[in-house]
Amino acid sequence: MKTQTFQLVKKAIKISALILIFMGSFKAVLALPSVPKSNQPDTLTYVQYKGSVNDQDSRSPLPFATLSLEGTNIASITNSDGEFSLKVPKNLTEGKVTISFIGYKNKTINLSQFKAEKTRIELEMLIVALKEVSVFPKDPELLIRAVMNKRAENYFSDPTQMTAFYRETIKKRKTYVSLSEAVVDIFKQPYMSLRSDVAQLYKARKSTDYSKLDTLTLKLQGGPYTNLYLDIMKNPEMIFTEDMLGNYEFKLENITKINDRLIYILNFKQRPYLTEPLYFGKLYIDTESLAITSATFNLNVENKALTADMFIKKKPVTAKVYPTMAAYYIDYREKNGKWYYGYSRGQITFKIEWHKRLFNTIYETTIEMAVTDWEKTVERPVKPSDRIKPTVVMSDEISGFADHSFWGEYNVIEPEKPIESAIRKIQKKLEKAKL
């Protein structure tokens, strides 16, 4: 008998991260540049800084480190290569930036020390002694129950207007075949509200080359709503609610620090007698407030048939399609004692076994969204006609690909090296098309 937890997890995935696979042959498509919805912003009103965040000793990159401009709600995040791009209004260039990463000491640097290119920031790893923790919980399940009970106290209780950068990619083995990026306006509901968050598309661009997709097109449904649903404190059913905790084993692994706060590292995994796909991962919990500050978790994909049913809406009859990995990450930020959604990422790898074909096909899909600015609001959400639908397919919604100036003063996540290469190829094709 399938557990209640599995049924809720399956429903959550169907709501938030539905994968579409359509049959059919397609010719190569290269979209023309799209036209911004508003006038181009004045590039003289902001200053851009680029660089990387690395480990002080090993020099290895620190992916998904947060850079926050002090005294504001402006923030950015490093990509998987540890590289960042931070755009700051010109009237704030005398400010300071705090760089933080789990398990490392915070570093605060004057913006005057940043360079336009190749700013190198190194963080020192933390070593935390157990004696620093005055109360070390003996029962990890009681700890997670306390965390769930304190949601209302620890997370935003006001509606919030957010600006966020969204990116989704599809790779066939190592080659990018689809790329969509957008600046999104988000109306974030209070954390204990049963109302869903609302998103509105502001600026977007895409490129899709269907010629690299064999005889099918793989599309992602949900867009920014998928990332919003990964906010497990707003949507605890994504992994577990308080009533579902009995299906998991919890173990307190260690303690660390982030933003000068002591953090419990709590491991969890489904109980061994449960065969349905549930989650395993780590929760990072503030020792003082008992707020979850970040989480990393994977779906158990050992049962191919059940996991395929969770993700796949339509597929060719001549192929078996199933996920081989589904990994997620969520990060929260703190302001005046309250926590809010800052960044989330999902990465799912699919394997396609073709009937009467010698070789299989591997696809990797990635979605990520980072909040770059926010403010509390009393305004009503975006009217329904202007909202992105929760069933949106971003690669269908967006009209084309634009050059760098299209993004103006908005903070984005620096593209990884392979994406940069793909973008350069796209821009060269567009330039040739104009000749």
Protein backbone atom coordinates (compact mmCIF):
# COMPACT_ATOMS: atom_id res chain seq x y z
CA MET A 1 0.00 0.00 0.00
CA LYS A 2 1.35 3.39 -0.94
CA THR A 3 1.99 5.70 1.99
CA GLN A 4 0.22 9.01 2.50
CA THR A 5 3.63 10.68 2.29
CA PHE A 6 4.30 9.21 -1.15
CA GLN A 7 0.91 10.31 -2.45
CA LEU A 8 1.56 13.89 -1.25
CA VAL A 9 5.11 13.89 -2.66
CA LYS A 10 3.76 12.64 -6.00
CA LYS A 11 1.08 15.35 -6.00
CA ALA A 12 3.66 18.00 -5.13
CA ILE A 13 5.88 16.99 -8.04
CA LYS A 14 2.91 16.93 -10.41
CA ILE A 15 2.07 20.47 -9.30
CA SER A 16 5.55 21.90 -9.31
CA ALA A 17 7.85 20.11 -11.73
CA LEU A 18 5.90 18.36 -14.44
CA ILE A 19 7.99 17.18 -17.37
CA LEU A 20 6.50 17.08 -20.85
CA ILE A 21 7.85 14.91 -23.64
CA PHE A 22 6.18 15.25 -27.02
CA MET A 23 6.71 13.02 -30.04
CA GLY A 24 7.52 14.38 -33.47
CA SER A 25 10.36 15.50 -35.70
CA PHE A 26 11.46 19.12 -35.74
CA LYS A 27 13.74 21.29 -37.81
CA ALA A 28 16.31 23.51 -36.17
CA VAL A 29 14.74 26.65 -34.75
CA LEU A 30 16.60 29.85 -33.95
CA ALA A 31 14.36 32.54 -32.55
CA LEU A 32 14.83 36.17 -33.49
CA PRO A 33 15.60 38.75 -30.80
CA SER A 34 12.61 39.69 -28.68
CA VAL A 35 11.55 43.26 -27.95
CA PRO A 36 11.62 44.43 -24.32
CA LYS A 37 8.27 45.21 -22.72
CA SER A 38 9.57 48.54 -21.50
CA ASN A 39 12.18 51.08 -22.51
CA GLN A 40 15.82 50.10 -22.11
CA PRO A 41 17.07 51.18 -18.66
CA ASP A 42 19.78 53.80 -18.44
CA THR A 43 22.98 51.78 -18.04
CA LEU A 44 24.59 54.81 -16.41
CA THR A 45 22.42 54.39 -13.30
CA TYR A 46 24.18 51.26 -12.07
CA VAL A 47 27.64 49.75 -11.78
CA GLN A 48 28.41 46.10 -12.49
CA TYR A 49 31.03 44.03 -10.68
CA LYS A 50 32.14 40.54 -11.68
CA GLY A 51 34.37 37.99 -10.02
CA SER A 52 34.49 34.71 -8.12
CA VAL A 53 34.16 33.35 -4.58
CA ASN A 54 36.66 30.65 -3.60
CA ASP A 55 37.91 28.58 -0.69
CA GLN A 56 40.88 30.38 0.90
CA ASP A 57 43.03 27.24 1.18
CA SER A 58 42.11 24.98 -1.74
CA ARG A 59 41.16 27.85 -4.11
CA SER A 60 38.19 25.71 -5.20
CA PRO A 61 35.04 27.62 -6.26
CA LEU A 62 32.13 28.01 -3.83
CA PRO A 63 28.87 27.52 -5.76
CA PHE A 64 25.67 29.29 -4.66
CA ALA A 65 27.41 31.63 -2.20
CA THR A 66 25.33 34.73 -1.42
CA LEU A 67 26.45 38.35 -1.92
CA SER A 68 24.25 40.92 -0.15
CA LEU A 69 24.52 44.70 -0.29
CA GLU A 70 24.33 45.90 3.33
CA GLY A 71 21.42 48.16 4.24
CA THR A 72 19.42 47.04 1.20
CA ASN A 73 17.57 43.95 -0.03
CA ILE A 74 19.79 43.69 -3.12
CA ALA A 75 21.54 40.33 -3.48
CA SER A 76 23.13 38.00 -5.99
CA ILE A 77 24.45 34.45 -5.95
CA THR A 78 27.42 32.63 -7.46
CA ASN A 79 26.95 30.01 -10.16
CA SER A 80 28.26 26.43 -9.99
CA ASP A 81 31.72 27.73 -11.01
CA GLY A 82 31.72 30.16 -8.06
CA GLU A 83 31.41 33.17 -10.38
CA PHE A 84 29.17 36.16 -9.72
CA SER A 85 27.80 39.29 -11.33
CA LEU A 86 26.54 42.05 -9.03
CA LYS A 87 24.82 45.20 -10.29
CA VAL A 88 24.50 48.07 -7.84
CA PRO A 89 22.71 51.43 -8.28
CA LYS A 90 25.26 54.17 -8.76
CA ASN A 91 24.14 56.02 -5.62
CA LEU A 92 25.01 52.95 -3.50
CA THR A 93 28.54 52.28 -4.72
CA GLU A 94 30.03 53.46 -1.40
CA GLY A 95 28.31 50.57 0.36
CA LYS A 96 29.55 47.24 1.67
CA VAL A 97 28.87 43.69 0.47
CA THR A 98 28.65 40.67 2.78
CA ILE A 99 29.58 37.30 1.28
CA SER A 100 28.30 34.18 3.04
CA PHE A 101 28.49 30.44 2.49
CA ILE A 102 27.58 27.50 4.72
CA GLY A 103 30.55 26.33 6.77
CA TYR A 104 32.65 29.45 6.08
CA LYS A 105 33.26 32.74 7.88
CA ASN A 106 31.36 35.71 6.52
CA LYS A 107 33.41 38.36 4.77
CA THR A 108 32.36 42.00 4.39
CA ILE A 109 34.09 44.06 1.69
CA ASN A 110 33.74 47.70 0.63
CA LEU A 111 32.40 48.04 -2.90
CA SER A 112 35.34 50.33 -3.60
CA GLN A 113 37.53 47.20 -3.45
CA PHE A 114 35.52 45.42 -6.14
CA LYS A 115 36.66 45.46 -9.76
CA ALA A 116 34.55 45.57 -12.89
CA GLU A 117 36.04 42.18 -13.83
CA LYS A 118 37.88 39.38 -12.01
CA THR A 119 37.23 40.36 -8.40
CA ARG A 120 38.54 37.40 -6.41
CA ILE A 121 37.02 36.78 -2.97
CA GLU A 122 38.34 34.06 -0.68
CA LEU A 123 36.45 32.72 2.34
CA GLU A 124 37.93 30.94 5.35
CA MET A 125 36.47 27.62 6.41
CA LEU A 126 34.96 27.41 9.90
CA ILE A 127 35.83 24.86 12.55
CA VAL A 128 33.10 24.75 15.19
CA ALA A 129 33.66 23.14 18.58
CA LEU A 130 30.74 21.25 20.11
CA LYS A 131 31.14 23.19 23.35
CA GLU A 132 29.85 26.26 21.53
CA VAL A 133 26.39 24.68 21.46
CA SER A 134 24.76 25.03 24.87
CA VAL A 135 21.91 22.63 24.10
CA PHE A 136 22.57 19.69 21.80
CA PRO A 137 19.30 17.88 21.05
CA LYS A 138 19.24 14.19 21.91
CA ASP A 139 16.14 13.37 19.87
CA PRO A 140 16.46 14.58 16.23
CA GLU A 141 12.78 13.84 15.52
CA LEU A 142 11.74 16.19 18.32
CA LEU A 143 14.07 18.78 16.78
CA ILE A 144 12.39 18.66 13.37
CA ARG A 145 8.93 18.76 15.00
CA ALA A 146 9.98 21.91 16.87
CA VAL A 147 11.17 23.37 13.55
CA MET A 148 7.78 22.73 11.94
CA ASN A 149 5.93 24.19 14.95
CA LYS A 150 7.93 27.45 14.73
CA ARG A 151 7.26 28.17 11.04
CA ALA A 152 4.87 31.03 11.83
CA GLU A 153 7.38 32.64 14.19
CA ASN A 154 10.46 32.31 11.97
CA TYR A 155 9.31 33.22 8.44
CA PHE A 156 7.81 36.31 6.80
CA SER A 157 4.26 37.06 7.93
CA ASP A 158 3.75 39.92 5.45
CA PRO A 159 3.05 39.78 1.73
CA THR A 160 6.23 40.59 -0.19
CA GLN A 161 6.95 41.88 -3.68
CA MET A 162 10.08 40.25 -5.09
CA THR A 163 12.23 40.57 -8.19
CA ALA A 164 13.90 37.33 -9.22
CA PHE A 165 16.08 35.91 -11.97
CA TYR A 166 14.98 32.55 -13.42
CA ARG A 167 16.89 30.16 -15.67
CA GLU A 168 16.06 26.73 -17.08
CA THR A 169 18.25 24.59 -19.32
CA ILE A 170 18.05 21.25 -21.09
CA LYS A 171 21.18 19.39 -22.08
CA LYS A 172 21.52 16.32 -24.28
CA ARG A 173 24.55 14.74 -22.68
CA LYS A 174 27.01 17.70 -22.66
CA THR A 175 25.33 19.85 -25.32
CA TYR A 176 22.80 22.55 -24.46
CA VAL A 177 19.68 22.24 -26.61
CA SER A 178 17.38 24.66 -24.77
CA LEU A 179 17.96 27.76 -22.66
CA SER A 180 15.35 30.10 -21.17
CA GLU A 181 16.00 33.04 -18.85
CA ALA A 182 13.66 35.59 -17.31
CA VAL A 183 13.34 38.46 -14.88
CA VAL A 184 10.20 37.70 -12.88
CA ASP A 185 8.04 39.77 -10.53
CA ILE A 186 6.78 37.64 -7.64
CA PHE A 187 4.01 38.35 -5.16
CA LYS A 188 5.03 36.16 -2.20
CA GLN A 189 2.23 35.28 0.18
CA PRO A 190 2.82 35.15 3.97
CA TYR A 191 4.34 31.81 4.97
CA MET A 192 1.34 30.56 6.93
CA SER A 193 -1.14 31.65 4.26
CA LEU A 194 -2.82 28.89 2.26
CA ARG A 195 -2.83 31.16 -0.80
CA SER A 196 -0.32 30.38 -3.53
CA ASP A 197 2.47 32.69 -4.62
CA VAL A 198 1.90 34.62 -7.86
CA ALA A 199 4.44 35.30 -10.64
CA GLN A 200 4.47 37.76 -13.52
CA LEU A 201 6.90 37.62 -16.45
CA TYR A 202 8.75 40.91 -16.90
CA LYS A 203 11.66 40.23 -19.28
CA ALA A 204 12.65 36.98 -20.94
CA ARG A 205 14.72 35.36 -23.66
CA LYS A 206 15.19 31.87 -25.02
CA SER A 207 16.95 29.69 -27.54
CA THR A 208 15.93 26.20 -28.56
CA ASP A 209 17.59 24.00 -31.15
CA TYR A 210 15.24 21.09 -31.72
CA SER A 211 17.57 19.54 -34.27
CA LYS A 212 19.61 18.13 -31.36
CA LEU A 213 16.60 16.48 -29.70
CA ASP A 214 16.40 13.29 -31.81
CA THR A 215 12.76 12.61 -32.72
CA LEU A 216 11.19 14.24 -29.70
CA THR A 217 10.96 17.55 -27.91
CA LEU A 218 11.48 17.64 -24.16
CA LYS A 219 9.85 20.55 -22.36
CA LEU A 220 9.56 21.66 -18.75
CA GLN A 221 6.23 22.73 -17.32
CA GLY A 222 5.86 25.07 -14.37
CA GLY A 223 8.63 27.60 -14.93
CA PRO A 224 9.20 29.91 -11.90
CA TYR A 225 6.35 28.23 -10.03
CA THR A 226 8.46 25.08 -9.81
CA ASN A 227 11.15 27.00 -7.93
CA LEU A 228 8.60 28.71 -5.70
CA TYR A 229 7.14 25.33 -4.78
CA LEU A 230 10.59 24.22 -3.63
CA ASP A 231 10.13 26.69 -0.75
CA ILE A 232 9.60 23.87 1.74
CA MET A 233 8.68 26.21 4.60
CA LYS A 234 5.84 27.68 2.54
CA ASN A 235 4.98 24.28 1.00
CA PRO A 236 6.11 21.65 3.53
CA GLU A 237 4.25 18.92 1.65
CA MET A 238 7.02 19.13 -0.94
CA ILE A 239 9.08 16.84 1.30
CA PHE A 240 7.14 16.31 4.54
CA THR A 241 4.57 17.88 6.84
CA GLU A 242 4.51 17.33 10.58
CA ASP A 243 2.09 14.43 10.10
CA MET A 244 4.40 12.77 7.56
CA LEU A 245 7.57 12.80 9.67
CA GLY A 246 7.05 9.21 10.87
CA ASN A 247 8.04 7.92 7.43
CA TYR A 248 11.58 9.30 7.84
CA GLU A 249 14.64 8.58 9.94
CA PHE A 250 16.49 11.63 11.30
CA LYS A 251 20.08 11.85 12.49
CA LEU A 252 21.97 14.87 13.80
CA GLU A 253 25.20 14.88 11.79
CA ASN A 254 27.17 17.90 12.94
CA ILE A 255 27.12 21.65 13.52
CA THR A 256 28.48 24.46 11.38
CA LYS A 257 28.06 28.22 10.99
CA ILE A 258 26.48 30.57 8.47
CA ASN A 259 26.12 34.34 8.87
CA ASP A 260 27.83 33.93 12.27
CA ARG A 261 25.01 31.67 13.43
CA LEU A 262 25.45 28.14 14.73
CA ILE A 263 23.64 25.66 12.51
CA TYR A 264 22.57 22.06 13.15
CA ILE A 265 23.02 19.70 10.20
CA LEU A 266 20.14 17.22 10.31
CA ASN A 267 20.20 14.22 7.96
CA PHE A 268 16.99 12.50 6.91
CA LYS A 269 16.02 9.50 4.77
CA GLN A 270 12.96 7.34 4.28
CA ARG A 271 12.54 4.32 6.54
CA PRO A 272 13.94 1.11 4.98
CA TYR A 273 10.60 -0.73 4.94
CA LEU A 274 9.07 1.92 2.66
CA THR A 275 9.59 1.17 -1.03
CA GLU A 276 7.80 4.18 -2.56
CA PRO A 277 10.01 7.06 -3.75
CA LEU A 278 10.52 9.56 -0.91
CA TYR A 279 13.38 11.96 -0.13
CA PHE A 280 16.77 11.89 1.53
CA GLY A 281 19.01 14.84 2.32
CA LYS A 282 20.16 17.45 4.85
CA LEU A 283 18.43 20.28 6.67
CA TYR A 284 20.46 23.20 8.02
CA ILE A 285 18.75 24.50 11.18
CA ASP A 286 19.58 27.65 13.14
CA THR A 287 20.34 26.53 16.71
CA GLU A 288 18.79 29.62 18.29
CA SER A 289 15.58 30.22 16.35
CA LEU A 290 15.15 26.64 15.00
CA ALA A 291 14.54 28.03 11.50
CA ILE A 292 15.60 26.00 8.47
CA THR A 293 18.16 28.21 6.74
CA SER A 294 18.79 25.90 3.77
CA ALA A 295 18.17 22.35 2.62
CA THR A 296 19.56 19.94 0.06
CA PHE A 297 17.62 16.81 -0.82
CA ASN A 298 17.18 14.13 -3.47
CA LEU A 299 14.28 11.97 -4.51
CA ASN A 300 14.85 8.21 -4.24
CA VAL A 301 14.67 7.13 -7.90
CA GLU A 302 15.36 3.40 -7.46
CA ASN A 303 11.80 2.47 -8.47
CA LYS A 304 11.89 3.42 -12.16
CA ALA A 305 8.20 2.86 -12.88
CA LEU A 306 6.91 4.95 -9.98
CA THR A 307 9.35 7.82 -10.47
CA ALA A 308 8.62 7.92 -14.21
CA ASP A 309 4.91 8.20 -13.39
CA MET A 310 5.68 11.12 -11.08
CA PHE A 311 7.50 13.17 -13.73
CA ILE A 312 6.46 12.13 -17.23
CA LYS A 313 3.23 13.35 -18.77
CA LYS A 314 3.65 12.10 -22.33
CA LYS A 315 6.30 10.06 -24.10
CA PRO A 316 6.87 8.03 -27.29
CA VAL A 317 5.47 4.50 -27.17
CA THR A 318 8.79 3.22 -28.53
CA ALA A 319 10.79 4.47 -25.56
CA LYS A 320 11.17 3.94 -21.84
CA VAL A 321 11.77 7.24 -20.05
CA TYR A 322 12.68 7.57 -16.37
CA PRO A 323 14.65 9.91 -14.10
CA THR A 324 18.05 8.70 -12.87
CA MET A 325 18.56 11.66 -10.51
CA ALA A 326 16.35 14.36 -8.99
CA ALA A 327 18.29 16.77 -6.75
CA TYR A 328 17.02 19.97 -5.12
CA TYR A 329 18.45 22.88 -3.12
CA ILE A 330 16.72 25.71 -1.26
CA ASP A 331 18.35 28.65 0.53
CA TYR A 332 16.77 31.23 2.84
CA ARG A 333 17.93 34.70 3.85
CA GLU A 334 17.33 36.54 7.10
CA LYS A 335 16.13 40.09 7.71
CA ASN A 336 15.34 41.48 11.17
CA GLY A 337 14.88 38.04 12.68
CA LYS A 338 12.61 36.71 9.90
CA TRP A 339 13.60 34.35 7.10
CA TYR A 340 12.46 34.40 3.48
CA TYR A 341 12.99 32.51 0.23
CA GLY A 342 16.26 33.50 -1.48
CA TYR A 343 17.28 30.82 -3.98
CA SER A 344 16.29 27.37 -5.20
CA ARG A 345 17.61 24.93 -7.75
CA GLY A 346 16.40 21.64 -9.18
CA GLN A 347 18.36 19.26 -11.37
CA ILE A 348 16.81 16.16 -12.94
CA THR A 349 18.54 13.70 -15.26
CA PHE A 350 16.46 11.51 -17.59
CA LYS A 351 17.42 8.35 -19.41
CA ILE A 352 15.59 7.34 -22.59
CA GLU A 353 15.86 3.71 -23.68
CA TRP A 354 14.76 3.40 -27.29
CA HIS A 355 13.22 0.24 -28.66
CA LYS A 356 15.53 -1.44 -31.21
CA ARG A 357 18.25 1.17 -30.72
CA LEU A 358 21.73 0.30 -29.52
CA PHE A 359 22.40 3.52 -27.60
CA ASN A 360 20.38 5.30 -24.93
CA THR A 361 19.85 9.07 -24.69
CA ILE A 362 20.62 11.10 -21.57
CA TYR A 363 19.02 14.49 -20.87
CA GLU A 364 19.80 16.80 -17.96
CA THR A 365 17.33 19.51 -16.97
CA THR A 366 18.14 22.33 -14.55
CA ILE A 367 15.95 25.08 -13.10
CA GLU A 368 17.13 27.82 -10.75
CA MET A 369 15.76 31.09 -9.43
CA ALA A 370 17.37 33.75 -7.22
CA VAL A 371 15.64 36.66 -5.50
CA THR A 372 17.64 39.81 -6.32
CA ASP A 373 15.49 42.41 -4.51
CA TRP A 374 12.33 42.59 -2.42
CA GLU A 375 10.06 44.83 -0.37
CA LYS A 376 7.05 44.34 1.85
CA THR A 377 3.81 45.32 0.17
CA VAL A 378 0.13 45.84 0.91
CA GLU A 379 -0.82 45.85 -2.74
CA ARG A 380 -3.04 43.17 -4.17
CA PRO A 381 -1.48 40.43 -6.30
CA VAL A 382 -1.09 40.83 -10.05
CA LYS A 383 -4.44 40.61 -11.81
CA PRO A 384 -5.13 37.13 -13.26
CA SER A 385 -4.73 38.22 -16.88
CA ASP A 386 -1.12 39.31 -16.23
CA ARG A 387 -0.01 36.26 -14.26
CA ILE A 388 2.10 33.43 -15.55
CA LYS A 389 0.01 30.27 -15.37
CA PRO A 390 1.29 27.51 -13.05
CA THR A 391 1.20 25.21 -16.10
CA VAL A 392 3.43 27.52 -18.15
CA VAL A 393 6.02 26.05 -20.53
CA MET A 394 8.62 28.83 -20.60
CA SER A 395 10.20 27.73 -23.88
CA ASP A 396 6.78 28.23 -25.52
CA GLU A 397 5.92 31.44 -23.66
CA ILE A 398 9.05 33.38 -24.62
CA SER A 399 9.38 34.85 -28.11
CA GLY A 400 13.12 35.01 -28.71
CA PHE A 401 16.70 35.64 -27.62
CA ALA A 402 18.10 39.08 -26.87
CA ASP A 403 21.54 40.53 -26.36
CA HIS A 404 23.10 41.49 -23.04
CA SER A 405 21.74 45.05 -22.97
CA PHE A 406 18.24 43.59 -22.77
CA TRP A 407 18.84 42.79 -19.09
CA GLY A 408 19.85 46.31 -18.12
CA GLU A 409 20.28 46.87 -14.42
CA TYR A 410 18.79 43.58 -13.23
CA ASN A 411 20.95 41.16 -11.26
CA VAL A 412 21.31 37.74 -12.88
CA ILE A 413 23.18 34.53 -12.15
CA GLU A 414 26.41 34.41 -14.12
CA PRO A 415 26.16 31.73 -16.85
CA GLU A 416 28.38 28.69 -16.56
CA LYS A 417 31.12 28.19 -19.14
CA PRO A 418 29.11 25.82 -21.42
CA ILE A 419 26.11 28.18 -21.35
CA GLU A 420 28.35 31.14 -22.20
CA SER A 421 29.64 29.21 -25.20
CA ALA A 422 26.09 28.38 -26.30
CA ILE A 423 25.03 32.03 -25.97
CA ARG A 424 27.99 33.21 -28.06
CA LYS A 425 27.07 30.72 -30.82
CA ILE A 426 23.47 31.93 -30.77
CA GLN A 427 24.51 35.58 -31.01
CA LYS A 428 26.86 34.84 -33.91
CA LYS A 429 24.02 33.12 -35.79
CA LEU A 430 21.76 36.11 -35.12
CA GLU A 431 24.44 38.50 -36.43
CA LYS A 432 24.85 36.42 -39.58
CA ALA A 433 21.09 36.33 -40.08
CA LYS A 434 21.04 40.16 -40.14
CA LEU A 435 23.65 40.37 -42.93
